[in-house]
Amino acid sequence: MRKVYEDKDMTMVSYYRALLEDEGIPTLVKNEYAQLAMGEVPFTQVYPELWVDNDIDYSAAVELIRSVRDDSANEKEVLVNYRRSKSMQAVMWIGTVMIVLILTWAFCGFIKFLVS
């Protein structure tokens, strides 16, 4: 048995476990419920761990997890580039100006209310 993945988020461990099981790689999750002991035990010792049953499957499992993680990293890079585009900056600028104008209008109305 060899450990292939560890994360504080059980959702990600379960996701990778399902991927490996779909590929026919038998797995085991250790520390699945150990987070209940957090506080009594150091937090790094209660992270859920994904292990492969057979050492032969280790390299295939690591490669599969790495390929999925790299694909998601590429998606994040595209999202960051989208957020930094010129049109998106213009939209954010217009939104900021609109908020300032609305707050100014509301403040002026509040002042008129106090004066009268």
Protein backbone atom coordinates (compact mmCIF):
# COMPACT_ATOMS: atom_id res chain seq x y z
CA MET A 1 0.00 0.00 0.00
CA ARG A 2 1.22 3.48 -0.87
CA LYS A 3 -0.21 6.92 -0.19
CA VAL A 4 -1.06 8.85 -3.37
CA TYR A 5 -2.97 11.86 -2.08
CA GLU A 6 -3.69 13.80 1.11
CA ASP A 7 -5.88 16.85 1.62
CA LYS A 8 -7.74 18.59 4.42
CA ASP A 9 -10.84 18.52 2.21
CA MET A 10 -12.54 15.11 2.26
CA THR A 11 -14.47 16.07 -0.86
CA MET A 12 -11.30 16.14 -2.95
CA VAL A 13 -10.08 12.85 -1.49
CA SER A 14 -13.43 11.25 -2.35
CA TYR A 15 -13.31 12.73 -5.85
CA TYR A 16 -9.89 11.25 -6.58
CA ARG A 17 -10.91 7.98 -5.00
CA ALA A 18 -13.87 7.75 -7.40
CA LEU A 19 -11.59 8.52 -10.36
CA LEU A 20 -9.16 5.79 -9.38
CA GLU A 21 -11.91 3.27 -8.66
CA ASP A 22 -13.44 3.99 -12.10
CA GLU A 23 -10.05 3.15 -13.65
CA GLY A 24 -10.03 -0.16 -11.78
CA ILE A 25 -7.45 0.86 -9.18
CA PRO A 26 -8.49 -0.38 -5.72
CA THR A 27 -8.08 2.29 -3.04
CA LEU A 28 -8.44 2.87 0.68
CA VAL A 29 -9.13 6.10 2.56
CA LYS A 30 -7.38 6.47 5.89
CA ASN A 31 -8.34 9.08 8.50
CA GLU A 32 -11.78 9.39 6.95
CA TYR A 33 -13.37 10.28 10.29
CA ALA A 34 -10.24 11.38 12.12
CA GLN A 35 -11.13 15.06 11.78
CA LEU A 36 -13.54 14.51 14.65
CA ALA A 37 -10.46 14.24 16.88
CA MET A 38 -9.03 17.58 15.74
CA GLY A 39 -7.94 19.59 18.73
CA GLU A 40 -6.88 16.49 20.64
CA VAL A 41 -4.50 15.49 17.85
CA PRO A 42 -2.41 17.84 15.67
CA PHE A 43 -4.42 18.87 12.60
CA THR A 44 -1.84 17.57 10.12
CA GLN A 45 -2.26 14.05 11.49
CA VAL A 46 -5.99 13.91 10.82
CA TYR A 47 -6.05 14.84 7.12
CA PRO A 48 -7.82 12.22 5.01
CA GLU A 49 -5.34 10.15 3.00
CA LEU A 50 -5.90 8.21 -0.21
CA TRP A 51 -3.91 5.00 -0.56
CA VAL A 52 -3.70 2.47 -3.38
CA ASP A 53 -3.93 -1.18 -2.37
CA ASN A 54 -1.34 -2.47 -4.84
CA ASP A 55 2.11 -0.94 -5.23
CA ILE A 56 1.91 -1.82 -8.94
CA ASP A 57 -0.92 0.71 -9.40
CA TYR A 58 0.96 3.53 -7.66
CA SER A 59 2.50 5.20 -10.73
CA ALA A 60 -0.76 5.00 -12.73
CA ALA A 61 -2.70 6.49 -9.82
CA VAL A 62 -0.24 9.35 -9.33
CA GLU A 63 -0.24 10.09 -13.07
CA LEU A 64 -4.05 10.14 -13.21
CA ILE A 65 -4.32 12.49 -10.22
CA ARG A 66 -1.56 14.73 -11.64
CA SER A 67 -3.27 14.96 -15.03
CA VAL A 68 -6.61 15.91 -13.45
CA ARG A 69 -4.97 18.49 -11.21
CA ASP A 70 -3.03 20.01 -14.14
CA ASP A 71 -6.23 20.29 -16.18
CA SER A 72 -7.97 22.12 -13.35
CA ALA A 73 -4.94 24.42 -12.98
CA ASN A 74 -5.26 25.32 -16.67
CA GLU A 75 -8.95 26.14 -16.16
CA LYS A 76 -8.04 28.43 -13.25
CA GLU A 77 -5.45 30.18 -15.42
CA VAL A 78 -8.07 30.85 -18.10
CA LEU A 79 -10.42 32.24 -15.45
CA VAL A 80 -7.72 34.56 -14.10
CA ASN A 81 -6.94 35.80 -17.62
CA TYR A 82 -10.66 36.46 -18.17
CA ARG A 83 -10.90 38.44 -14.97
CA ARG A 84 -7.99 40.64 -16.04
CA SER A 85 -9.29 41.38 -19.53
CA LYS A 86 -9.79 45.02 -20.58
CA SER A 87 -13.54 44.66 -20.99
CA MET A 88 -13.88 43.16 -17.53
CA GLN A 89 -11.88 46.05 -16.07
CA ALA A 90 -14.21 48.52 -17.80
CA VAL A 91 -17.26 46.76 -16.36
CA MET A 92 -15.76 46.87 -12.88
CA TRP A 93 -14.94 50.59 -13.29
CA ILE A 94 -18.49 51.41 -14.42
CA GLY A 95 -19.92 49.39 -11.54
CA THR A 96 -17.75 51.27 -9.05
CA VAL A 97 -18.83 54.65 -10.46
CA MET A 98 -22.50 53.59 -10.27
CA ILE A 99 -22.13 52.58 -6.62
CA VAL A 100 -20.47 55.91 -5.75
CA LEU A 101 -23.27 57.83 -7.50
CA ILE A 102 -25.99 55.86 -5.69
CA LEU A 103 -24.32 56.36 -2.32
CA THR A 104 -23.95 60.11 -3.01
CA TRP A 105 -27.63 60.36 -3.97
CA ALA A 106 -28.67 58.48 -0.82
CA PHE A 107 -26.45 60.67 1.38
CA CYS A 108 -27.89 63.86 -0.12
CA GLY A 109 -31.42 62.59 0.50
CA PHE A 110 -30.49 61.81 4.10
CA ILE A 111 -29.07 65.32 4.60
CA LYS A 112 -32.25 66.89 3.16
CA PHE A 113 -34.29 64.76 5.57
CA LEU A 114 -32.25 65.96 8.56
CA VAL A 115 -32.47 69.62 7.53
CA SER A 116 -36.23 69.64 7.05
